[in-house]
Amino acid sequence: MPSIDAKTSPGTRPLQGLTGADIGIRFENALARGDGLLGAHCVHELWMRGEMSINIERAMELLWGRAAASVPEWLPMRYVDWLPSVYEIALTFNSSAKGLSNIYLVLLDYQDRGAAYGIYVGMSKYSPAQRFDQHKAGIRSAGSVLKRGIEVLTGPTLHLQYIKRSEAVRIEEELASALSAAGLLVKGGH
């Protein structure tokens, strides 16, 4: 079995070489043991392979129901059909220098406007979760996140944490442009 620990990024897709049946077996074992980390990687791999949304949603429901305490923060709380594209695009960006800045993504709810979801691209010296909480509290908040932000999408940008500010400024703008070019409704990225 591929080695998975708390530092294993979902972007590395550690279960990619397994068959769907093998992932199913590992997922059942994860549920039986209450192993949210392994279960999250199983769900993530199926999601990246284009598994039907109803199956992903059911797997997430089971996982959150049986292993909520150990599910990593990078697993979203809801199904978003374009998440694999966000991973692919975000993984094309890299930073060559360490620093204090973090790139973050926030899922935006646009169901009242006909588009199910949008995405906000931001950068901050705070962790993505802290910055999201600040937005929702109205602290230097982008209106789109304050009004429509529903959760941080941590996984796609795990590799873009603690990077040099000048690179974060560039990546924030370029990532927003790339996501927009892929057809997503994008806010931020300025």
N, C-alpha and C. Protein backbone atom coordinates (compact mmCIF):
# COMPACT_ATOMS: atom_id res chain seq x y z
N MET A 1 0.85 -1.18 0.00
CA MET A 1 0.00 0.00 0.00
C MET A 1 0.89 1.24 0.00
N PRO A 2 0.51 2.25 -0.78
CA PRO A 2 1.26 3.49 -0.77
C PRO A 2 1.28 4.09 0.64
N SER A 3 2.38 4.73 0.98
CA SER A 3 2.53 5.34 2.29
C SER A 3 1.76 6.66 2.34
N ILE A 4 0.89 6.78 3.35
CA ILE A 4 0.11 7.99 3.55
C ILE A 4 0.23 8.41 5.00
N ASP A 5 0.62 9.66 5.21
CA ASP A 5 0.62 10.21 6.57
C ASP A 5 0.04 11.61 6.51
N ALA A 6 0.03 12.29 7.63
CA ALA A 6 -0.60 13.62 7.71
C ALA A 6 0.04 14.64 6.79
N LYS A 7 1.29 14.40 6.38
CA LYS A 7 1.98 15.34 5.50
C LYS A 7 1.79 15.02 4.01
N THR A 8 1.10 13.93 3.71
CA THR A 8 0.87 13.55 2.32
C THR A 8 -0.17 14.47 1.71
N SER A 9 0.26 15.24 0.73
CA SER A 9 -0.63 16.19 0.07
C SER A 9 -1.59 15.46 -0.87
N PRO A 10 -2.85 15.90 -0.92
CA PRO A 10 -3.78 15.28 -1.87
C PRO A 10 -3.34 15.48 -3.32
N GLY A 11 -2.60 16.57 -3.57
CA GLY A 11 -2.12 16.83 -4.92
C GLY A 11 -1.14 15.80 -5.44
N THR A 12 -0.51 15.05 -4.54
CA THR A 12 0.42 13.99 -4.97
C THR A 12 -0.32 12.74 -5.41
N ARG A 13 -1.58 12.64 -5.08
CA ARG A 13 -2.44 11.51 -5.45
C ARG A 13 -1.76 10.17 -5.15
N PRO A 14 -1.52 9.88 -3.88
CA PRO A 14 -0.79 8.67 -3.52
C PRO A 14 -1.50 7.37 -3.90
N LEU A 15 -2.79 7.41 -4.16
CA LEU A 15 -3.55 6.20 -4.52
C LEU A 15 -3.79 6.09 -6.03
N GLN A 16 -3.17 6.95 -6.78
CA GLN A 16 -3.42 7.02 -8.22
C GLN A 16 -3.15 5.69 -8.94
N GLY A 17 -2.16 4.94 -8.49
CA GLY A 17 -1.81 3.68 -9.16
C GLY A 17 -2.70 2.51 -8.82
N LEU A 18 -3.66 2.69 -7.92
CA LEU A 18 -4.53 1.60 -7.52
C LEU A 18 -5.76 1.50 -8.41
N THR A 19 -6.35 0.30 -8.46
CA THR A 19 -7.60 0.12 -9.20
C THR A 19 -8.74 0.70 -8.38
N GLY A 20 -9.85 0.91 -9.03
CA GLY A 20 -11.04 1.39 -8.33
C GLY A 20 -11.46 0.42 -7.24
N ALA A 21 -11.34 -0.87 -7.50
CA ALA A 21 -11.71 -1.89 -6.50
C ALA A 21 -10.79 -1.80 -5.28
N ASP A 22 -9.49 -1.61 -5.52
CA ASP A 22 -8.55 -1.47 -4.40
C ASP A 22 -8.86 -0.24 -3.57
N ILE A 23 -9.22 0.84 -4.22
CA ILE A 23 -9.58 2.05 -3.47
C ILE A 23 -10.84 1.81 -2.66
N GLY A 24 -11.80 1.09 -3.23
CA GLY A 24 -13.03 0.76 -2.50
C GLY A 24 -12.75 -0.05 -1.25
N ILE A 25 -11.85 -1.03 -1.35
CA ILE A 25 -11.47 -1.84 -0.19
C ILE A 25 -10.81 -0.98 0.87
N ARG A 26 -9.89 -0.12 0.45
CA ARG A 26 -9.21 0.76 1.41
C ARG A 26 -10.20 1.73 2.06
N PHE A 27 -11.17 2.20 1.28
CA PHE A 27 -12.16 3.10 1.84
C PHE A 27 -13.00 2.39 2.91
N GLU A 28 -13.44 1.19 2.62
CA GLU A 28 -14.21 0.42 3.61
C GLU A 28 -13.39 0.18 4.87
N ASN A 29 -12.11 -0.15 4.70
CA ASN A 29 -11.23 -0.34 5.86
C ASN A 29 -11.08 0.96 6.65
N ALA A 30 -10.96 2.08 5.94
CA ALA A 30 -10.84 3.38 6.61
C ALA A 30 -12.09 3.68 7.42
N LEU A 31 -13.25 3.39 6.86
CA LEU A 31 -14.50 3.62 7.60
C LEU A 31 -14.55 2.73 8.84
N ALA A 32 -14.17 1.47 8.69
CA ALA A 32 -14.22 0.53 9.82
C ALA A 32 -13.28 0.96 10.95
N ARG A 33 -12.14 1.55 10.61
CA ARG A 33 -11.15 1.97 11.60
C ARG A 33 -11.33 3.42 12.04
N GLY A 34 -12.24 4.14 11.40
CA GLY A 34 -12.40 5.56 11.71
C GLY A 34 -11.20 6.38 11.26
N ASP A 35 -10.59 5.96 10.16
CA ASP A 35 -9.38 6.60 9.63
C ASP A 35 -9.77 7.64 8.59
N GLY A 36 -9.98 8.87 9.05
CA GLY A 36 -10.40 9.94 8.16
C GLY A 36 -9.36 10.32 7.13
N LEU A 37 -8.09 10.19 7.46
CA LEU A 37 -7.02 10.54 6.53
C LEU A 37 -7.02 9.60 5.32
N LEU A 38 -6.99 8.31 5.57
CA LEU A 38 -7.01 7.36 4.45
C LEU A 38 -8.31 7.49 3.67
N GLY A 39 -9.42 7.61 4.38
CA GLY A 39 -10.71 7.76 3.71
C GLY A 39 -10.76 8.99 2.83
N ALA A 40 -10.18 10.10 3.30
CA ALA A 40 -10.15 11.33 2.51
C ALA A 40 -9.33 11.14 1.24
N HIS A 41 -8.20 10.46 1.34
CA HIS A 41 -7.39 10.21 0.14
C HIS A 41 -8.14 9.31 -0.84
N CYS A 42 -8.91 8.35 -0.33
CA CYS A 42 -9.71 7.49 -1.21
C CYS A 42 -10.76 8.32 -1.94
N VAL A 43 -11.49 9.14 -1.19
CA VAL A 43 -12.52 10.00 -1.80
C VAL A 43 -11.88 10.94 -2.82
N HIS A 44 -10.77 11.53 -2.43
CA HIS A 44 -10.09 12.47 -3.32
C HIS A 44 -9.68 11.80 -4.63
N GLU A 45 -9.12 10.61 -4.55
CA GLU A 45 -8.67 9.92 -5.77
C GLU A 45 -9.86 9.60 -6.68
N LEU A 46 -10.95 9.14 -6.11
CA LEU A 46 -12.13 8.86 -6.93
C LEU A 46 -12.66 10.14 -7.57
N TRP A 47 -12.64 11.23 -6.82
CA TRP A 47 -13.08 12.54 -7.31
C TRP A 47 -12.22 12.96 -8.50
N MET A 48 -10.91 12.80 -8.34
CA MET A 48 -9.99 13.20 -9.40
C MET A 48 -10.16 12.33 -10.66
N ARG A 49 -10.65 11.12 -10.49
CA ARG A 49 -10.88 10.22 -11.62
C ARG A 49 -12.22 10.47 -12.30
N GLY A 50 -13.02 11.37 -11.74
CA GLY A 50 -14.30 11.70 -12.36
C GLY A 50 -15.44 10.80 -11.94
N GLU A 51 -15.32 10.21 -10.76
CA GLU A 51 -16.41 9.37 -10.22
C GLU A 51 -17.70 10.20 -10.18
N MET A 52 -18.82 9.54 -10.34
CA MET A 52 -20.11 10.23 -10.35
C MET A 52 -20.32 11.00 -9.04
N SER A 53 -20.91 12.17 -9.16
CA SER A 53 -21.10 13.04 -8.00
C SER A 53 -21.88 12.37 -6.88
N ILE A 54 -22.88 11.60 -7.21
CA ILE A 54 -23.69 10.94 -6.16
C ILE A 54 -22.83 9.99 -5.35
N ASN A 55 -21.87 9.32 -5.99
CA ASN A 55 -20.99 8.39 -5.27
C ASN A 55 -20.00 9.15 -4.38
N ILE A 56 -19.49 10.28 -4.87
CA ILE A 56 -18.58 11.10 -4.06
C ILE A 56 -19.32 11.67 -2.85
N GLU A 57 -20.51 12.19 -3.08
CA GLU A 57 -21.29 12.76 -1.99
C GLU A 57 -21.62 11.71 -0.94
N ARG A 58 -21.97 10.50 -1.37
CA ARG A 58 -22.28 9.42 -0.43
C ARG A 58 -21.04 9.03 0.36
N ALA A 59 -19.90 8.92 -0.33
CA ALA A 59 -18.65 8.57 0.36
C ALA A 59 -18.28 9.64 1.38
N MET A 60 -18.44 10.92 1.02
CA MET A 60 -18.13 11.99 1.98
C MET A 60 -19.06 11.94 3.18
N GLU A 61 -20.34 11.66 2.93
CA GLU A 61 -21.31 11.55 4.03
C GLU A 61 -20.90 10.43 4.99
N LEU A 62 -20.54 9.28 4.44
CA LEU A 62 -20.11 8.16 5.28
C LEU A 62 -18.83 8.51 6.05
N LEU A 63 -17.89 9.12 5.36
CA LEU A 63 -16.62 9.45 5.99
C LEU A 63 -16.81 10.47 7.12
N TRP A 64 -17.55 11.53 6.85
CA TRP A 64 -17.79 12.53 7.89
C TRP A 64 -18.58 11.93 9.05
N GLY A 65 -19.46 10.98 8.76
CA GLY A 65 -20.26 10.35 9.80
C GLY A 65 -19.46 9.41 10.69
N ARG A 66 -18.44 8.78 10.14
CA ARG A 66 -17.70 7.77 10.91
C ARG A 66 -16.30 8.19 11.36
N ALA A 67 -15.77 9.25 10.76
CA ALA A 67 -14.38 9.61 11.08
C ALA A 67 -14.15 11.12 11.09
N ALA A 68 -15.15 11.88 11.44
CA ALA A 68 -15.05 13.35 11.34
C ALA A 68 -13.84 13.92 12.06
N ALA A 69 -13.49 13.37 13.20
CA ALA A 69 -12.38 13.92 13.98
C ALA A 69 -11.03 13.81 13.29
N SER A 70 -10.90 12.86 12.35
CA SER A 70 -9.61 12.67 11.70
C SER A 70 -9.61 12.97 10.20
N VAL A 71 -10.71 13.55 9.71
CA VAL A 71 -10.75 13.96 8.30
C VAL A 71 -9.89 15.22 8.16
N PRO A 72 -8.93 15.22 7.23
CA PRO A 72 -8.07 16.41 7.09
C PRO A 72 -8.85 17.60 6.55
N GLU A 73 -8.37 18.80 6.88
CA GLU A 73 -9.08 20.02 6.50
C GLU A 73 -9.11 20.24 4.99
N TRP A 74 -8.25 19.56 4.25
CA TRP A 74 -8.23 19.78 2.80
C TRP A 74 -9.38 19.10 2.06
N LEU A 75 -10.10 18.19 2.70
CA LEU A 75 -11.23 17.55 2.02
C LEU A 75 -12.44 18.47 2.13
N PRO A 76 -12.97 18.91 0.98
CA PRO A 76 -14.14 19.81 1.03
C PRO A 76 -15.34 19.15 1.70
N MET A 77 -16.26 19.98 2.16
CA MET A 77 -17.47 19.51 2.82
C MET A 77 -18.57 19.16 1.82
N ARG A 78 -18.41 19.57 0.57
CA ARG A 78 -19.44 19.34 -0.44
C ARG A 78 -18.79 19.04 -1.78
N TYR A 79 -19.55 18.42 -2.66
CA TYR A 79 -19.06 18.08 -3.98
C TYR A 79 -19.05 19.31 -4.88
N VAL A 80 -17.94 19.51 -5.57
CA VAL A 80 -17.80 20.58 -6.56
C VAL A 80 -17.23 19.92 -7.81
N ASP A 81 -17.96 19.98 -8.90
CA ASP A 81 -17.56 19.22 -10.09
C ASP A 81 -16.23 19.66 -10.69
N TRP A 82 -15.87 20.92 -10.53
CA TRP A 82 -14.64 21.40 -11.15
C TRP A 82 -13.41 21.32 -10.27
N LEU A 83 -13.50 20.68 -9.10
CA LEU A 83 -12.35 20.59 -8.20
C LEU A 83 -11.12 19.94 -8.86
N PRO A 84 -11.26 18.86 -9.63
CA PRO A 84 -10.06 18.31 -10.28
C PRO A 84 -9.34 19.32 -11.17
N SER A 85 -10.08 20.15 -11.86
CA SER A 85 -9.45 21.18 -12.70
C SER A 85 -8.69 22.20 -11.86
N VAL A 86 -9.24 22.55 -10.70
CA VAL A 86 -8.57 23.51 -9.82
C VAL A 86 -7.25 22.92 -9.35
N TYR A 87 -7.24 21.64 -8.99
CA TYR A 87 -5.99 20.99 -8.60
C TYR A 87 -4.98 21.04 -9.75
N GLU A 88 -5.41 20.64 -10.93
CA GLU A 88 -4.50 20.62 -12.08
C GLU A 88 -3.90 21.99 -12.35
N ILE A 89 -4.73 23.01 -12.30
CA ILE A 89 -4.26 24.36 -12.58
C ILE A 89 -3.34 24.85 -11.46
N ALA A 90 -3.77 24.68 -10.22
CA ALA A 90 -2.97 25.17 -9.09
C ALA A 90 -1.60 24.49 -9.03
N LEU A 91 -1.54 23.23 -9.40
CA LEU A 91 -0.26 22.51 -9.35
C LEU A 91 0.74 22.98 -10.40
N THR A 92 0.30 23.81 -11.34
CA THR A 92 1.23 24.35 -12.34
C THR A 92 2.00 25.55 -11.79
N PHE A 93 1.62 26.02 -10.60
CA PHE A 93 2.28 27.16 -9.99
C PHE A 93 3.18 26.68 -8.86
N ASN A 94 4.37 27.27 -8.79
CA ASN A 94 5.32 26.93 -7.74
C ASN A 94 6.04 28.17 -7.29
N SER A 95 6.56 28.10 -6.08
CA SER A 95 7.37 29.18 -5.54
C SER A 95 8.77 28.65 -5.30
N SER A 96 9.75 29.46 -5.61
CA SER A 96 11.15 29.05 -5.43
C SER A 96 11.72 29.49 -4.09
N ALA A 97 10.96 30.28 -3.35
CA ALA A 97 11.50 30.82 -2.10
C ALA A 97 10.48 30.73 -0.97
N LYS A 98 10.95 30.43 0.21
CA LYS A 98 10.11 30.40 1.40
C LYS A 98 9.87 31.82 1.91
N GLY A 99 8.75 31.99 2.57
CA GLY A 99 8.42 33.30 3.11
C GLY A 99 7.26 33.19 4.08
N LEU A 100 6.49 34.25 4.19
CA LEU A 100 5.40 34.30 5.16
C LEU A 100 4.02 34.38 4.51
N SER A 101 3.93 34.32 3.20
CA SER A 101 2.65 34.50 2.52
C SER A 101 2.03 33.17 2.12
N ASN A 102 0.71 33.16 2.11
CA ASN A 102 -0.07 31.97 1.75
C ASN A 102 -1.08 32.31 0.67
N ILE A 103 -1.19 31.45 -0.31
CA ILE A 103 -2.25 31.55 -1.31
C ILE A 103 -3.42 30.73 -0.79
N TYR A 104 -4.64 31.25 -0.94
CA TYR A 104 -5.80 30.49 -0.49
C TYR A 104 -6.95 30.64 -1.47
N LEU A 105 -7.85 29.65 -1.43
CA LEU A 105 -9.03 29.62 -2.28
C LEU A 105 -10.26 29.48 -1.38
N VAL A 106 -11.32 30.19 -1.74
CA VAL A 106 -12.57 30.09 -1.01
C VAL A 106 -13.68 29.73 -1.99
N LEU A 107 -14.48 28.75 -1.62
CA LEU A 107 -15.64 28.36 -2.41
C LEU A 107 -16.74 29.38 -2.18
N LEU A 108 -17.28 29.90 -3.26
CA LEU A 108 -18.35 30.91 -3.19
C LEU A 108 -19.66 30.31 -3.68
N ASP A 109 -20.75 30.63 -3.03
CA ASP A 109 -22.08 30.11 -3.37
C ASP A 109 -22.79 31.10 -4.29
N TYR A 110 -22.99 30.67 -5.54
CA TYR A 110 -23.71 31.50 -6.52
C TYR A 110 -24.96 30.80 -7.03
N GLN A 111 -25.53 29.92 -6.22
CA GLN A 111 -26.70 29.16 -6.67
C GLN A 111 -27.89 30.06 -6.98
N ASP A 112 -27.97 31.22 -6.33
CA ASP A 112 -29.07 32.14 -6.59
C ASP A 112 -28.91 32.86 -7.93
N ARG A 113 -27.76 32.71 -8.56
CA ARG A 113 -27.50 33.39 -9.83
C ARG A 113 -27.33 32.42 -10.99
N GLY A 114 -27.68 31.16 -10.77
CA GLY A 114 -27.62 30.19 -11.85
C GLY A 114 -26.32 29.41 -11.95
N ALA A 115 -25.24 29.97 -11.46
CA ALA A 115 -23.97 29.24 -11.42
C ALA A 115 -23.88 28.66 -10.02
N ALA A 116 -23.64 27.36 -9.91
CA ALA A 116 -23.63 26.74 -8.59
C ALA A 116 -22.58 27.36 -7.68
N TYR A 117 -21.33 27.39 -8.15
CA TYR A 117 -20.25 27.86 -7.30
C TYR A 117 -19.27 28.73 -8.07
N GLY A 118 -18.60 29.58 -7.33
CA GLY A 118 -17.47 30.36 -7.84
C GLY A 118 -16.31 30.14 -6.90
N ILE A 119 -15.21 30.83 -7.18
CA ILE A 119 -14.02 30.67 -6.35
C ILE A 119 -13.34 32.02 -6.16
N TYR A 120 -12.88 32.25 -4.96
CA TYR A 120 -12.13 33.46 -4.63
C TYR A 120 -10.67 33.07 -4.47
N VAL A 121 -9.78 33.84 -5.07
CA VAL A 121 -8.34 33.61 -4.95
C VAL A 121 -7.76 34.76 -4.13
N GLY A 122 -7.03 34.43 -3.08
CA GLY A 122 -6.44 35.45 -2.24
C GLY A 122 -5.06 35.07 -1.75
N MET A 123 -4.40 36.02 -1.13
CA MET A 123 -3.11 35.77 -0.48
C MET A 123 -3.08 36.52 0.83
N SER A 124 -2.37 35.98 1.80
CA SER A 124 -2.33 36.58 3.13
C SER A 124 -1.16 36.04 3.92
N LYS A 125 -0.79 36.78 4.95
CA LYS A 125 0.22 36.29 5.89
C LYS A 125 -0.43 35.34 6.90
N TYR A 126 -1.75 35.32 6.94
CA TYR A 126 -2.49 34.43 7.84
C TYR A 126 -2.74 33.09 7.16
N SER A 127 -3.02 32.07 7.95
CA SER A 127 -3.37 30.77 7.37
C SER A 127 -4.67 30.93 6.60
N PRO A 128 -4.93 30.06 5.61
CA PRO A 128 -6.19 30.17 4.87
C PRO A 128 -7.42 30.15 5.78
N ALA A 129 -7.44 29.29 6.80
CA ALA A 129 -8.59 29.23 7.70
C ALA A 129 -8.75 30.53 8.50
N GLN A 130 -7.63 31.07 8.99
CA GLN A 130 -7.69 32.33 9.73
C GLN A 130 -8.19 33.46 8.84
N ARG A 131 -7.68 33.50 7.62
CA ARG A 131 -8.08 34.59 6.71
C ARG A 131 -9.55 34.48 6.34
N PHE A 132 -10.03 33.25 6.14
CA PHE A 132 -11.45 33.05 5.86
C PHE A 132 -12.30 33.57 7.02
N ASP A 133 -11.89 33.22 8.25
CA ASP A 133 -12.62 33.71 9.42
C ASP A 133 -12.63 35.24 9.47
N GLN A 134 -11.51 35.85 9.11
CA GLN A 134 -11.46 37.32 9.07
C GLN A 134 -12.44 37.88 8.04
N HIS A 135 -12.44 37.28 6.85
CA HIS A 135 -13.40 37.72 5.82
C HIS A 135 -14.82 37.67 6.37
N LYS A 136 -15.18 36.52 6.96
CA LYS A 136 -16.55 36.33 7.43
C LYS A 136 -16.90 37.25 8.60
N ALA A 137 -15.88 37.71 9.33
CA ALA A 137 -16.10 38.65 10.43
C ALA A 137 -16.08 40.11 9.95
N GLY A 138 -15.84 40.31 8.66
CA GLY A 138 -15.82 41.66 8.11
C GLY A 138 -14.49 42.37 8.26
N ILE A 139 -13.44 41.66 8.59
CA ILE A 139 -12.11 42.25 8.75
C ILE A 139 -11.39 42.24 7.41
N ARG A 140 -11.18 43.44 6.84
CA ARG A 140 -10.56 43.55 5.51
C ARG A 140 -11.17 42.54 4.55
N SER A 141 -12.47 42.50 4.55
CA SER A 141 -13.20 41.46 3.84
C SER A 141 -13.51 41.83 2.40
N ALA A 142 -13.33 40.84 1.53
CA ALA A 142 -13.83 40.96 0.17
C ALA A 142 -15.34 40.71 0.24
N GLY A 143 -16.12 41.54 -0.41
CA GLY A 143 -17.57 41.39 -0.37
C GLY A 143 -18.04 40.02 -0.82
N SER A 144 -17.39 39.47 -1.84
CA SER A 144 -17.80 38.16 -2.34
C SER A 144 -17.62 37.08 -1.28
N VAL A 145 -16.56 37.14 -0.50
CA VAL A 145 -16.34 36.13 0.54
C VAL A 145 -17.26 36.39 1.73
N LEU A 146 -17.43 37.64 2.10
CA LEU A 146 -18.31 37.97 3.21
C LEU A 146 -19.73 37.48 2.94
N LYS A 147 -20.23 37.71 1.73
CA LYS A 147 -21.61 37.38 1.39
C LYS A 147 -21.79 35.95 0.91
N ARG A 148 -20.80 35.42 0.19
CA ARG A 148 -20.99 34.14 -0.50
C ARG A 148 -20.01 33.04 -0.12
N GLY A 149 -19.01 33.36 0.69
CA GLY A 149 -18.00 32.37 1.05
C GLY A 149 -18.57 31.28 1.92
N ILE A 150 -18.35 30.01 1.53
CA ILE A 150 -18.90 28.90 2.31
C ILE A 150 -17.83 27.98 2.89
N GLU A 151 -16.66 27.91 2.28
CA GLU A 151 -15.58 27.13 2.87
C GLU A 151 -14.28 27.40 2.14
N VAL A 152 -13.18 27.15 2.84
CA VAL A 152 -11.85 27.26 2.25
C VAL A 152 -11.57 25.96 1.51
N LEU A 153 -11.03 26.08 0.30
CA LEU A 153 -10.59 24.91 -0.47
C LEU A 153 -9.08 24.79 -0.26
N THR A 154 -8.69 24.11 0.77
CA THR A 154 -7.29 24.07 1.21
C THR A 154 -6.40 23.23 0.30
N GLY A 155 -6.89 22.08 -0.14
CA GLY A 155 -6.06 21.11 -0.85
C GLY A 155 -5.30 21.62 -2.06
N PRO A 156 -5.94 22.31 -2.98
CA PRO A 156 -5.23 22.70 -4.20
C PRO A 156 -4.04 23.62 -3.99
N THR A 157 -4.00 24.35 -2.87
CA THR A 157 -2.91 25.31 -2.67
C THR A 157 -2.01 24.95 -1.48
N LEU A 158 -2.03 23.71 -1.03
CA LEU A 158 -1.15 23.31 0.08
C LEU A 158 0.31 23.58 -0.23
N HIS A 159 0.68 23.44 -1.48
CA HIS A 159 2.09 23.66 -1.88
C HIS A 159 2.43 25.15 -2.02
N LEU A 160 1.45 26.02 -1.85
CA LEU A 160 1.66 27.46 -2.00
C LEU A 160 1.50 28.17 -0.65
N GLN A 161 1.93 27.52 0.40
CA GLN A 161 1.90 28.09 1.75
C GLN A 161 3.32 28.47 2.14
N TYR A 162 3.43 29.56 2.91
CA TYR A 162 4.72 30.05 3.40
C TYR A 162 5.71 30.30 2.25
N ILE A 163 5.25 31.13 1.32
CA ILE A 163 6.08 31.49 0.17
C ILE A 163 6.43 32.98 0.24
N LYS A 164 7.40 33.36 -0.56
CA LYS A 164 7.87 34.74 -0.61
C LYS A 164 6.74 35.65 -1.10
N ARG A 165 6.58 36.80 -0.46
CA ARG A 165 5.49 37.72 -0.77
C ARG A 165 5.45 38.12 -2.23
N SER A 166 6.58 38.46 -2.81
CA SER A 166 6.58 38.90 -4.21
C SER A 166 6.09 37.78 -5.13
N GLU A 167 6.43 36.55 -4.81
CA GLU A 167 5.94 35.43 -5.62
C GLU A 167 4.46 35.18 -5.36
N ALA A 168 4.02 35.37 -4.12
CA ALA A 168 2.60 35.19 -3.80
C ALA A 168 1.74 36.20 -4.56
N VAL A 169 2.21 37.44 -4.67
CA VAL A 169 1.47 38.47 -5.41
C VAL A 169 1.31 38.03 -6.87
N ARG A 170 2.40 37.56 -7.45
CA ARG A 170 2.37 37.11 -8.85
C ARG A 170 1.46 35.89 -9.01
N ILE A 171 1.64 34.90 -8.15
CA ILE A 171 0.87 33.66 -8.26
C ILE A 171 -0.61 33.91 -8.05
N GLU A 172 -0.96 34.75 -7.09
CA GLU A 172 -2.37 35.06 -6.84
C GLU A 172 -3.03 35.57 -8.13
N GLU A 173 -2.40 36.52 -8.78
CA GLU A 173 -2.97 37.09 -10.01
C GLU A 173 -3.01 36.08 -11.15
N GLU A 174 -1.92 35.35 -11.34
CA GLU A 174 -1.85 34.38 -12.44
C GLU A 174 -2.78 33.20 -12.22
N LEU A 175 -2.91 32.76 -10.97
CA LEU A 175 -3.82 31.65 -10.67
C LEU A 175 -5.27 32.07 -10.92
N ALA A 176 -5.63 33.26 -10.50
CA ALA A 176 -6.99 33.76 -10.76
C ALA A 176 -7.27 33.83 -12.26
N SER A 177 -6.30 34.30 -13.02
CA SER A 177 -6.48 34.38 -14.48
C SER A 177 -6.62 33.00 -15.10
N ALA A 178 -5.80 32.05 -14.64
CA ALA A 178 -5.85 30.70 -15.19
C ALA A 178 -7.17 30.01 -14.86
N LEU A 179 -7.66 30.20 -13.65
CA LEU A 179 -8.95 29.60 -13.27
C LEU A 179 -10.09 30.23 -14.06
N SER A 180 -10.02 31.53 -14.26
CA SER A 180 -11.03 32.22 -15.06
C SER A 180 -10.99 31.73 -16.51
N ALA A 181 -9.79 31.56 -17.05
CA ALA A 181 -9.65 31.07 -18.42
C ALA A 181 -10.20 29.65 -18.57
N ALA A 182 -10.23 28.90 -17.47
CA ALA A 182 -10.77 27.54 -17.50
C ALA A 182 -12.30 27.54 -17.38
N GLY A 183 -12.89 28.72 -17.29
CA GLY A 183 -14.34 28.83 -17.28
C GLY A 183 -14.98 28.95 -15.91
N LEU A 184 -14.17 29.11 -14.87
CA LEU A 184 -14.73 29.25 -13.53
C LEU A 184 -15.10 30.70 -13.24
N LEU A 185 -16.06 30.90 -12.38
CA LEU A 185 -16.43 32.22 -11.91
C LEU A 185 -15.44 32.58 -10.81
N VAL A 186 -14.57 33.55 -11.07
CA VAL A 186 -13.46 33.87 -10.17
C VAL A 186 -13.58 35.29 -9.65
N LYS A 187 -13.35 35.42 -8.35
CA LYS A 187 -13.27 36.72 -7.69
C LYS A 187 -11.90 36.80 -7.04
N GLY A 188 -11.46 38.01 -6.72
CA GLY A 188 -10.15 38.21 -6.10
C GLY A 188 -9.03 38.11 -7.12
N GLY A 189 -7.86 37.74 -6.64
CA GLY A 189 -6.73 37.60 -7.53
C GLY A 189 -6.13 38.91 -7.99
N HIS A 190 -6.20 39.92 -7.13
CA HIS A 190 -5.71 41.24 -7.52
C HIS A 190 -4.45 41.61 -6.81
